[in-house]
Protein backbone atom coordinates (compact mmCIF):
# COMPACT_ATOMS: atom_id res chain seq x y z
CA MET A 1 0.00 -0.19 0.20
CA HIS A 2 1.11 3.66 -0.83
CA ALA A 3 2.80 5.18 2.26
CA SER A 4 0.48 8.22 2.28
CA SER A 5 -2.64 6.06 2.43
CA ARG A 6 -2.00 4.79 5.87
CA ASP A 7 -2.00 8.39 7.15
CA ALA A 8 -5.29 9.03 5.88
CA GLU A 9 -7.72 10.57 8.07
CA THR A 10 -10.57 8.05 7.41
CA ALA A 11 -11.20 4.27 5.99
CA LEU A 12 -12.88 5.60 2.98
CA GLU A 13 -9.82 8.60 2.53
CA ARG A 14 -7.30 5.27 2.50
CA LEU A 15 -9.30 3.52 0.48
CA ALA A 16 -9.73 6.03 -2.13
CA GLN A 17 -6.09 6.76 -2.00
CA TRP A 18 -5.26 3.27 -3.15
CA ALA A 19 -7.71 2.91 -5.56
CA ALA A 20 -7.12 6.15 -7.30
CA ALA A 21 -3.19 5.32 -7.68
CA LEU A 22 -3.63 1.91 -8.82
CA GLN A 23 -1.96 1.20 -12.03
CA TYR A 24 -1.72 -2.08 -14.13
CA ALA A 25 1.94 -2.55 -13.57
CA ASP A 26 1.22 -2.35 -9.70
CA ILE A 27 -0.82 -5.25 -10.03
CA PRO A 28 0.94 -9.07 -9.11
CA LYS A 29 1.03 -11.33 -11.79
CA ARG A 30 -0.97 -13.88 -9.82
CA ALA A 31 -3.86 -11.07 -9.34
CA ARG A 32 -3.71 -10.34 -13.13
CA TYR A 33 -4.16 -14.02 -13.85
CA MET A 34 -7.18 -14.09 -11.49
CA ALA A 35 -8.61 -10.62 -12.33
CA THR A 36 -8.42 -11.81 -15.97
CA ARG A 37 -10.49 -15.08 -15.27
CA CYS A 38 -13.05 -12.81 -13.33
CA ILE A 39 -13.49 -10.37 -16.08
CA VAL A 40 -13.85 -13.54 -18.59
CA ASP A 41 -16.20 -14.99 -16.49
CA THR A 42 -18.40 -12.14 -15.82
CA VAL A 43 -18.50 -10.88 -19.68
CA ALA A 44 -19.68 -14.72 -20.47
CA VAL A 45 -22.54 -14.80 -18.06
CA GLY A 46 -23.45 -11.47 -18.68
CA LEU A 47 -23.77 -12.17 -22.50
CA ALA A 48 -25.85 -15.40 -21.60
CA GLY A 49 -28.00 -13.45 -18.89
CA ALA A 50 -28.92 -10.94 -21.59
CA THR A 51 -31.20 -13.36 -23.13
CA GLN A 52 -33.36 -14.12 -20.33
CA SER A 53 -36.79 -12.14 -19.87
CA VAL A 54 -35.97 -10.35 -16.83
CA SER A 55 -32.82 -8.89 -17.75
CA ARG A 56 -34.43 -8.07 -21.16
CA THR A 57 -37.19 -6.24 -19.19
CA LEU A 58 -34.85 -4.29 -17.05
CA ARG A 59 -32.69 -3.42 -20.06
CA GLU A 60 -35.62 -2.26 -22.39
CA THR A 61 -37.08 -0.15 -18.81
CA ILE A 62 -33.43 1.40 -18.08
CA SER A 63 -32.85 2.43 -21.94
CA LYS A 64 -36.24 4.33 -21.89
CA GLU A 65 -34.81 6.56 -18.81
CA ALA A 66 -31.35 6.72 -19.80
CA ALA A 67 -29.83 8.62 -22.66
CA SER A 68 -27.81 7.09 -25.37
CA GLY A 69 -24.06 7.31 -24.86
CA PRO A 70 -20.77 5.51 -25.46
CA ALA A 71 -21.07 2.71 -23.17
CA THR A 72 -22.07 -1.06 -24.73
CA VAL A 73 -24.88 -2.67 -23.14
CA PHE A 74 -25.22 -6.48 -23.16
CA GLY A 75 -27.66 -8.29 -25.41
CA SER A 76 -28.41 -4.67 -27.42
CA THR A 77 -27.59 -2.62 -30.37
CA GLU A 78 -27.97 0.48 -28.18
CA SER A 79 -25.37 1.98 -26.33
CA LEU A 80 -26.03 4.07 -23.04
CA GLN A 81 -24.58 6.80 -20.91
CA PRO A 82 -22.77 4.96 -18.01
CA ALA A 83 -25.03 4.80 -15.30
CA GLY A 84 -27.76 3.06 -17.64
CA ALA A 85 -25.27 0.58 -19.19
CA ALA A 86 -23.94 -0.45 -15.58
CA PHE A 87 -27.37 -1.01 -14.62
CA ALA A 88 -28.19 -3.21 -17.56
CA ASN A 89 -25.14 -5.04 -17.74
CA ALA A 90 -25.11 -5.78 -13.84
CA ALA A 91 -28.58 -7.04 -13.81
CA ALA A 92 -27.88 -9.31 -17.02
CA ALA A 93 -24.48 -10.42 -14.96
CA HIS A 94 -26.22 -11.60 -12.01
CA VAL A 95 -29.98 -12.74 -13.31
CA LEU A 96 -28.51 -16.70 -13.73
CA ASP A 97 -26.71 -16.49 -10.57
CA TYR A 98 -23.78 -17.91 -12.61
CA ASP A 99 -21.16 -15.30 -11.81
CA ASP A 100 -18.09 -15.63 -9.53
CA THR A 101 -18.00 -15.54 -5.46
CA CYS A 102 -15.62 -14.27 -2.97
CA TYR A 103 -16.18 -15.50 0.38
CA ASP A 104 -14.57 -12.08 1.87
CA GLY A 105 -17.91 -10.82 2.64
CA ILE A 106 -19.56 -13.89 0.77
CA LEU A 107 -20.37 -11.49 -2.19
CA HIS A 108 -20.62 -11.46 -5.67
CA ALA A 109 -18.38 -8.49 -6.73
CA SER A 110 -17.90 -8.87 -10.22
CA CYS A 111 -21.15 -8.45 -11.37
CA VAL A 112 -21.60 -5.01 -9.87
CA VAL A 113 -18.03 -3.73 -10.38
CA LEU A 114 -17.10 -4.80 -13.98
CA PRO A 115 -20.12 -3.09 -15.57
CA ALA A 116 -19.40 0.04 -13.56
CA ALA A 117 -15.75 -0.18 -14.70
CA LEU A 118 -16.61 -1.01 -18.08
CA ALA A 119 -19.37 1.80 -18.86
CA CYS A 120 -16.94 4.35 -17.30
CA ALA A 121 -13.77 3.30 -19.07
CA GLU A 122 -15.88 3.39 -22.53
CA GLU A 123 -17.03 6.93 -21.66
CA SER A 124 -13.11 7.69 -21.05
CA ASP A 125 -11.90 5.79 -23.94
CA LEU A 126 -9.30 4.09 -21.64
CA SER A 127 -6.98 1.69 -22.53
CA GLY A 128 -7.36 -2.09 -22.05
CA ALA A 129 -4.62 -1.82 -19.11
CA ASP A 130 -6.19 1.12 -17.42
CA PHE A 131 -9.64 -0.66 -17.62
CA PHE A 132 -8.23 -3.49 -15.95
CA ALA A 133 -6.59 -1.34 -13.23
CA SER A 134 -10.14 -0.17 -12.70
CA TYR A 135 -11.64 -3.05 -12.13
CA VAL A 136 -9.20 -4.60 -9.74
CA ALA A 137 -9.36 -1.18 -7.94
CA GLY A 138 -13.18 -1.88 -7.58
CA ALA A 139 -12.91 -5.54 -6.53
CA GLU A 140 -10.46 -5.21 -4.09
CA VAL A 141 -11.79 -2.46 -2.36
CA THR A 142 -15.06 -4.63 -2.13
CA TYR A 143 -13.23 -7.52 -0.66
CA ALA A 144 -11.14 -5.41 2.03
CA LEU A 145 -14.49 -4.19 3.09
CA GLY A 146 -15.90 -7.82 3.15
CA ARG A 147 -13.05 -8.46 5.41
CA ALA A 148 -13.28 -5.41 7.67
CA LEU A 149 -16.85 -6.20 8.44
CA THR A 150 -18.11 -9.38 10.53
CA ASP A 151 -20.58 -12.24 9.74
CA ILE A 152 -23.29 -10.19 11.92
CA PHE A 153 -23.50 -7.64 8.74
CA TRP A 154 -23.99 -10.76 6.20
CA LYS A 155 -26.75 -12.18 8.08
CA GLY A 156 -29.29 -9.67 7.08
CA TRP A 157 -27.91 -7.30 4.37
CA TRP A 158 -27.14 -8.37 0.67
CA THR A 159 -23.63 -7.34 0.64
CA THR A 160 -23.52 -7.75 -3.02
CA ALA A 161 -25.33 -4.32 -3.18
CA THR A 162 -24.31 -2.98 0.29
CA LEU A 163 -20.38 -3.29 -0.40
CA GLY A 164 -20.67 -4.05 -4.05
CA SER A 165 -22.00 -0.24 -4.92
CA ILE A 166 -18.94 1.20 -2.89
CA GLY A 167 -16.57 -1.39 -4.95
CA ALA A 168 -18.35 0.06 -7.86
CA ALA A 169 -17.76 3.61 -6.87
CA ALA A 170 -14.21 3.07 -6.52
CA ALA A 171 -13.84 1.09 -10.09
CA ALA A 172 -16.01 3.83 -11.82
CA SER A 173 -13.79 6.93 -10.00
CA ARG A 174 -10.64 4.99 -11.34
CA ALA A 175 -11.91 4.64 -14.76
CA LEU A 176 -13.15 8.39 -14.84
CA GLY A 177 -9.41 9.63 -13.72
CA LEU A 178 -10.85 10.83 -10.39
CA ASP A 179 -7.92 12.09 -7.79
CA ALA A 180 -8.10 10.52 -4.55
CA VAL A 181 -10.30 13.42 -2.90
CA ARG A 182 -13.03 13.05 -5.43
CA THR A 183 -12.71 8.99 -5.01
CA ALA A 184 -13.00 9.39 -1.41
CA HIS A 185 -16.51 11.48 -1.69
CA ALA A 186 -17.36 9.02 -4.37
CA LEU A 187 -17.04 6.27 -1.73
CA SER A 188 -18.93 8.02 0.56
CA LEU A 189 -21.79 8.59 -1.25
CA ALA A 190 -22.02 5.34 -2.22
CA ALA A 191 -21.55 4.27 1.51
CA THR A 192 -24.21 6.67 2.51
CA PHE A 193 -26.69 5.63 0.31
CA ALA A 194 -25.95 1.39 0.74
CA PHE A 195 -28.75 -0.56 0.69
CA GLY A 196 -29.99 -4.35 0.05
CA ILE A 197 -31.53 -6.82 2.05
CA ARG A 198 -31.53 -10.48 1.58
CA THR A 199 -35.00 -11.16 1.27
CA LEU A 200 -34.38 -10.70 -2.61
CA LEU A 201 -32.59 -13.94 -3.08
CA GLY A 202 -34.89 -15.81 -5.59
CA THR A 203 -36.56 -12.91 -6.49
CA GLU A 204 -36.67 -10.83 -9.60
CA ALA A 205 -35.57 -8.12 -7.17
CA ASN A 206 -32.04 -10.08 -7.23
CA PRO A 207 -30.84 -8.76 -10.63
CA ALA A 208 -32.60 -5.63 -10.28
CA GLY A 209 -30.32 -5.21 -7.03
CA ALA A 210 -27.26 -5.82 -8.77
CA GLY A 211 -28.08 -3.50 -11.46
CA LEU A 212 -28.98 -0.75 -8.97
CA ALA A 213 -25.72 -1.18 -6.89
CA SER A 214 -23.63 -0.77 -10.46
CA GLN A 215 -25.52 2.31 -11.23
CA LEU A 216 -25.24 3.80 -7.62
CA GLY A 217 -21.53 3.62 -7.88
CA VAL A 218 -21.56 5.16 -11.27
CA GLN A 219 -23.54 7.64 -9.95
CA ALA A 220 -21.63 8.70 -6.99
CA ALA A 221 -18.44 8.78 -9.07
CA LEU A 222 -20.31 11.32 -11.50
CA PHE A 223 -21.68 13.33 -8.66
CA ALA A 224 -18.12 13.44 -7.14
CA ARG A 225 -16.84 14.56 -10.23
CA ASN A 226 -18.73 17.40 -10.70
CA GLY A 227 -18.02 18.62 -7.05
CA ILE A 228 -20.55 16.52 -4.83
CA LYS A 229 -19.22 15.69 -1.36
CA GLY A 230 -20.15 13.07 1.06
CA PRO A 231 -19.35 12.33 4.85
CA LEU A 232 -15.72 11.06 4.80
CA ASP A 233 -16.62 8.99 8.03
CA ALA A 234 -19.42 7.06 6.66
CA LEU A 235 -18.29 3.75 7.60
CA GLU A 236 -16.75 4.43 11.19
CA SER A 237 -19.00 7.24 12.58
CA SER A 238 -21.52 6.62 15.22
CA ARG A 239 -24.17 7.01 12.57
CA GLY A 240 -21.97 5.05 9.88
CA LEU A 241 -22.33 1.84 8.07
CA ALA A 242 -20.55 -0.29 10.59
CA GLN A 243 -22.70 1.13 13.49
CA VAL A 244 -25.84 0.53 11.48
CA PHE A 245 -25.43 -2.34 9.75
CA ASN A 246 -22.71 -4.53 11.65
CA GLU A 247 -23.26 -3.58 15.37
CA GLY A 248 -20.39 -1.37 15.48
CA ARG A 249 -17.83 -3.94 14.26
CA PHE A 250 -15.25 -2.70 12.00
CA HIS A 251 -11.74 -4.08 11.70
CA GLY A 252 -10.30 -0.93 10.04
CA ALA A 253 -6.65 -2.16 10.14
CA VAL A 254 -7.68 -4.66 7.52
CA LEU A 255 -7.77 -1.75 4.81
CA ASN A 256 -4.10 -1.17 5.43
CA GLU A 257 -3.68 -4.49 3.58
CA LEU A 258 -4.57 -3.01 0.10
CA GLY A 259 -1.67 -3.20 -2.21
CA GLU A 260 0.08 -6.05 -0.02
CA ARG A 261 -2.51 -8.37 0.05
CA TYR A 262 -4.98 -9.12 -2.74
CA ALA A 263 -8.12 -10.94 -2.12
CA LEU A 264 -7.82 -11.93 -5.74
CA VAL A 265 -4.53 -14.29 -4.96
CA ASP A 266 -5.00 -14.59 -0.95
CA SER A 267 -8.66 -15.53 -0.50
CA GLU A 268 -9.07 -16.32 -4.39
CA ILE A 269 -12.48 -16.54 -6.31
CA SER A 270 -14.99 -19.17 -6.78
CA PHE A 271 -16.31 -20.11 -10.24
CA LYS A 272 -19.28 -22.09 -10.75
CA GLN A 273 -19.85 -25.01 -13.30
CA PHE A 274 -23.57 -24.99 -12.90
CA PRO A 275 -26.15 -21.66 -13.46
CA ALA A 276 -27.44 -21.73 -10.22
CA CYS A 277 -26.49 -20.43 -6.30
CA SER A 278 -22.92 -21.44 -5.21
CA GLY A 279 -25.15 -23.49 -2.39
CA THR A 280 -26.08 -26.01 -5.41
CA GLN A 281 -22.88 -26.53 -7.05
CA ALA A 282 -21.18 -29.32 -4.53
CA ALA A 283 -24.45 -31.35 -4.67
CA THR A 284 -24.95 -31.18 -8.09
CA GLN A 285 -21.44 -32.33 -9.11
CA ALA A 286 -21.62 -35.09 -6.68
CA VAL A 287 -24.93 -36.20 -8.80
CA VAL A 288 -22.89 -35.86 -12.15
CA SER A 289 -20.21 -37.84 -10.83
CA ILE A 290 -22.38 -40.70 -9.13
CA VAL A 291 -24.73 -40.98 -12.46
CA GLU A 292 -21.69 -41.13 -14.85
CA GLU A 293 -19.71 -43.67 -12.81
CA ASN A 294 -22.59 -46.01 -12.30
CA GLU A 295 -23.95 -45.15 -15.94
CA PHE A 296 -27.54 -44.75 -14.04
CA ARG A 297 -30.71 -43.44 -15.90
CA SER A 298 -33.26 -41.43 -14.44
CA LYS A 299 -35.50 -44.37 -14.47
CA ASP A 300 -32.95 -45.94 -12.19
CA ILE A 301 -32.87 -43.71 -9.42
CA LYS A 302 -35.62 -43.67 -6.50
CA LYS A 303 -34.26 -40.91 -4.58
CA VAL A 304 -31.36 -38.58 -3.88
CA VAL A 305 -30.68 -37.67 -0.26
CA CYS A 306 -28.30 -34.13 -0.23
CA ARG A 307 -26.91 -33.27 3.15
CA VAL A 308 -25.72 -29.87 3.38
CA THR A 309 -23.98 -27.06 5.58
CA PRO A 310 -26.12 -24.38 7.41
CA LEU A 311 -25.25 -22.13 4.58
CA VAL A 312 -26.17 -24.25 1.73
CA ALA A 313 -29.58 -24.65 3.75
CA THR A 314 -29.92 -20.97 4.32
CA ASN A 315 -29.67 -20.04 0.76
CA LEU A 316 -31.59 -22.97 -1.13
CA THR A 317 -35.24 -22.08 -0.06
CA TYR A 318 -37.33 -23.45 -2.85
CA PRO A 319 -37.93 -26.88 -2.87
CA SER A 320 -40.65 -26.52 -6.08
CA PRO A 321 -39.70 -23.41 -7.79
CA ARG A 322 -42.18 -21.45 -9.60
CA SER A 323 -39.81 -18.93 -11.45
CA LEU A 324 -36.40 -19.15 -12.90
CA THR A 325 -35.26 -16.90 -10.10
CA GLU A 326 -36.52 -19.30 -7.59
CA ALA A 327 -35.14 -22.27 -9.59
CA GLN A 328 -31.60 -20.95 -9.03
CA PHE A 329 -31.72 -21.25 -5.43
CA SER A 330 -33.37 -24.75 -5.86
CA LEU A 331 -31.47 -27.79 -5.11
CA PRO A 332 -34.15 -29.97 -6.43
CA PHE A 333 -34.35 -28.02 -9.68
CA ALA A 334 -30.52 -28.37 -10.45
CA ILE A 335 -30.50 -31.88 -9.81
CA GLY A 336 -33.79 -32.57 -11.45
CA CYS A 337 -31.88 -31.06 -14.44
CA VAL A 338 -29.15 -33.45 -14.26
CA LEU A 339 -31.51 -36.41 -14.20
CA ARG A 340 -33.98 -35.78 -16.71
CA PHE A 341 -31.53 -33.85 -19.22
CA GLY A 342 -28.06 -35.82 -18.39
CA ARG A 343 -26.57 -32.11 -17.51
CA PHE A 344 -27.42 -28.87 -16.07
CA SER A 345 -26.30 -25.89 -17.94
CA VAL A 346 -27.77 -22.46 -19.60
CA SER A 347 -29.69 -24.40 -21.89
CA GLN A 348 -32.11 -25.55 -19.00
CA LEU A 349 -32.81 -21.88 -17.96
CA SER A 350 -36.57 -21.61 -19.80
CA GLU A 351 -39.74 -21.31 -18.79
CA SER A 352 -40.60 -24.69 -20.73
CA VAL A 353 -38.01 -26.31 -18.92
CA LEU A 354 -39.42 -25.21 -15.77
CA GLY A 355 -42.84 -26.55 -16.54
CA ASP A 356 -41.87 -29.84 -18.02
CA ALA A 357 -43.63 -32.34 -16.15
CA ALA A 358 -40.75 -35.08 -16.39
CA LEU A 359 -38.65 -32.66 -14.63
CA ARG A 360 -40.93 -32.17 -12.00
CA ALA A 361 -41.07 -35.82 -11.42
CA GLU A 362 -37.48 -36.01 -11.08
CA MET A 363 -37.09 -32.84 -8.66
CA ALA A 364 -39.53 -34.98 -6.32
CA LYS A 365 -36.78 -37.70 -5.79
CA VAL A 366 -34.55 -35.04 -4.50
CA GLU A 367 -34.38 -34.28 -0.39
CA MET A 368 -32.46 -31.81 1.29
CA VAL A 369 -31.41 -32.13 4.66
CA ARG A 370 -29.48 -29.68 6.84
CA ASP A 371 -26.53 -31.24 8.77
CA ASP A 372 -24.84 -28.77 11.20
CA GLY A 373 -22.16 -31.56 11.86
CA LEU A 374 -21.38 -32.45 8.15
CA VAL A 375 -18.18 -30.18 8.34
CA ALA A 376 -16.10 -29.55 11.70
CA PRO A 377 -16.50 -26.08 12.80
CA GLU A 378 -12.67 -25.21 12.28
CA ASP A 379 -13.02 -26.23 8.63
CA LEU A 380 -16.10 -24.56 7.59
CA ALA A 381 -14.36 -21.30 6.41
CA HIS A 382 -12.72 -23.49 3.86
CA PHE A 383 -15.85 -25.64 3.12
CA PRO A 384 -18.85 -23.63 3.64
CA GLU A 385 -20.99 -25.09 0.94
CA ALA A 386 -20.09 -28.65 1.16
CA ALA A 387 -22.57 -31.44 0.32
CA GLU A 388 -22.72 -35.27 1.09
CA VAL A 389 -25.19 -36.81 -1.56
CA THR A 390 -26.70 -40.64 -1.28
CA VAL A 391 -28.33 -41.88 -4.48
CA GLN A 392 -30.73 -44.66 -4.10
CA ALA A 393 -31.50 -46.83 -6.79
CA PHE A 394 -34.46 -49.00 -7.38
CA ASP A 395 -32.28 -52.18 -7.38
CA GLY A 396 -31.32 -51.55 -4.01
CA ARG A 397 -27.91 -50.01 -4.27
CA LYS A 398 -26.83 -46.82 -2.31
CA ILE A 399 -23.89 -44.63 -3.59
CA THR A 400 -22.77 -41.97 -1.37
CA LYS A 401 -20.10 -39.26 -2.50
CA LEU A 402 -18.89 -36.23 -0.13
CA ILE A 403 -17.65 -33.18 -1.97
CA SER A 404 -16.17 -30.64 0.28
CA ALA A 405 -15.35 -27.94 -2.30
CA ALA A 406 -17.10 -28.08 -5.80
CA THR A 407 -14.64 -27.66 -8.71
CA GLY A 408 -14.30 -24.02 -8.98
CA MET A 409 -13.79 -23.42 -5.62
CA PRO A 410 -10.54 -21.76 -4.50
CA SER A 411 -9.47 -25.25 -3.10
CA ALA A 412 -10.69 -27.20 -6.03
CA PRO A 413 -9.60 -24.41 -8.94
CA MET A 414 -11.50 -25.04 -12.17
CA PRO A 415 -9.40 -26.50 -15.10
CA GLU A 416 -8.67 -24.36 -18.08
CA GLU A 417 -10.56 -26.48 -20.27
CA VAL A 418 -13.50 -26.60 -18.24
CA PHE A 419 -13.62 -22.92 -17.47
CA GLU A 420 -13.21 -22.11 -21.43
CA ARG A 421 -16.03 -24.71 -22.30
CA LYS A 422 -18.26 -22.22 -19.85
CA PHE A 423 -17.41 -19.05 -21.33
CA ILE A 424 -17.98 -20.62 -25.09
CA ASP A 425 -21.31 -22.19 -23.81
CA CYS A 426 -22.54 -19.11 -22.44
CA THR A 427 -21.24 -16.83 -25.29
CA THR A 428 -22.72 -18.80 -27.83
CA GLN A 429 -26.29 -18.07 -26.71
CA LEU A 430 -25.82 -14.79 -28.75
CA LEU A 431 -22.43 -15.51 -30.58
CA PRO A 432 -21.38 -17.66 -33.56
CA GLU A 433 -18.53 -19.75 -31.99
CA GLU A 434 -15.90 -18.42 -34.08
CA HIS A 435 -16.94 -14.80 -32.39
CA ALA A 436 -16.87 -16.24 -28.87
CA ARG A 437 -13.40 -17.54 -29.39
CA ARG A 438 -12.15 -14.26 -30.77
CA LEU A 439 -14.03 -12.50 -27.94
CA LEU A 440 -11.91 -14.79 -25.51
CA TYR A 441 -8.80 -14.03 -26.84
CA GLU A 442 -9.21 -10.28 -26.69
CA LEU A 443 -10.23 -10.42 -22.90
CA GLN A 444 -7.53 -12.43 -22.04
CA THR A 445 -4.77 -10.09 -23.80
CA LEU A 446 -6.56 -6.72 -22.49
CA ASP A 447 -3.37 -5.47 -21.33
CA ARG A 448 -2.61 -4.82 -25.13
CA ARG A 449 -5.63 -2.86 -26.34
CA PRO A 450 -5.20 0.74 -26.98
CA SER A 451 -8.80 1.48 -26.38
CA ILE A 452 -11.58 -0.46 -24.75
CA ARG A 453 -14.23 1.02 -27.15
CA GLY A 454 -15.01 -1.97 -29.47
CA LEU A 455 -14.07 -4.80 -27.28
CA LEU A 456 -17.55 -6.10 -26.65
CA PRO A 457 -20.12 -6.99 -29.33
CA THR A 458 -23.22 -5.02 -30.18
CA VAL A 459 -25.46 -7.90 -30.59
CA SER A 460 -29.41 -8.07 -29.97
CA ALA A 461 -30.72 -10.59 -27.58
């Protein structure tokens, strides 16, 4: 961390000094690798998400309210001013719940931060390297706040919005070229307007909330650029975010780690194999493995019992989902797709699939059981979403498999070929495969681009 930022008066000023000064060359090689993965993955799920009816409705709504401008919108031939584009793209990036997760705050930072960085980078006509640094600045600010606040905060507040909007403000400020003083005020405005309660999970408010968080970050940066100021002690004051949201607990010293510790490296990021809440990943992977290893067909399987951790049970609250947003928080839906179709991918995310009678019959075979002893307390930080699955066959066989960490979790990194296959599967919802592979290359070599403009395709969903 830059020495001057240690002497800053408030927590937001410390964050702002680091974010405003960050350059591509400052970012360690391993952090660049992980950030590239996050950017690639978020663009992929954003393009796939743009095809969904919910994100389409949100995009059409915001496009009527926002002026046209230089910022690309996923799934549209229109371009908008930065705040509108950030809203539309963040909603699309989160609508499938297929985006990355970090357990520093248990949040989805990329779906909120990247659209803010991209929209403002396009307005400023930044190089690929400067866009990259803007994304990293916003992501690391978000994760640092996640570490500084405790689990009390997470129990009721949806940290993806509450903290993500502050990270989006950091990314937008960096992309707009704001100095440390104006960046601090942008962060202050975002923190002051923080929002998001967890009742939105499994509802259409979920992607809309991601959109609003990204939009808020951009608007806070634009306000600050034009001289609007906020309370710089918005995190630690007696009426600040930590007091109101987190019973006054705030580990401000964590912020001094910025620049020395990168969450992208030390905490790492989890990437999903399946388009649903991270709580579905381990159990779904276990079922896929058992079915393939035993050559089971759906008619062979009588019952699937999934023992899961408290975090999984808390998040997966829709045993019989009535909408696609509920389905993404439903373990029976994810596993039912595997039993019915042999896989669970973006191609199953349609109303016709959700209403399929044969799928519903397979879902009825799935039982989820909360098991507080599944993972030892000292191991929960490493395996928060473990699952033990037992598949019972009609012929009497019972096959059990425990997956502590699904492929894609930090302790079980996703192989490159699986990661690339996910990108192609998502982006070919809108693009020919040749164009999708070209886009993948462009995203993996961002530092070589003289301008971020023209990077993403303008294509109608």
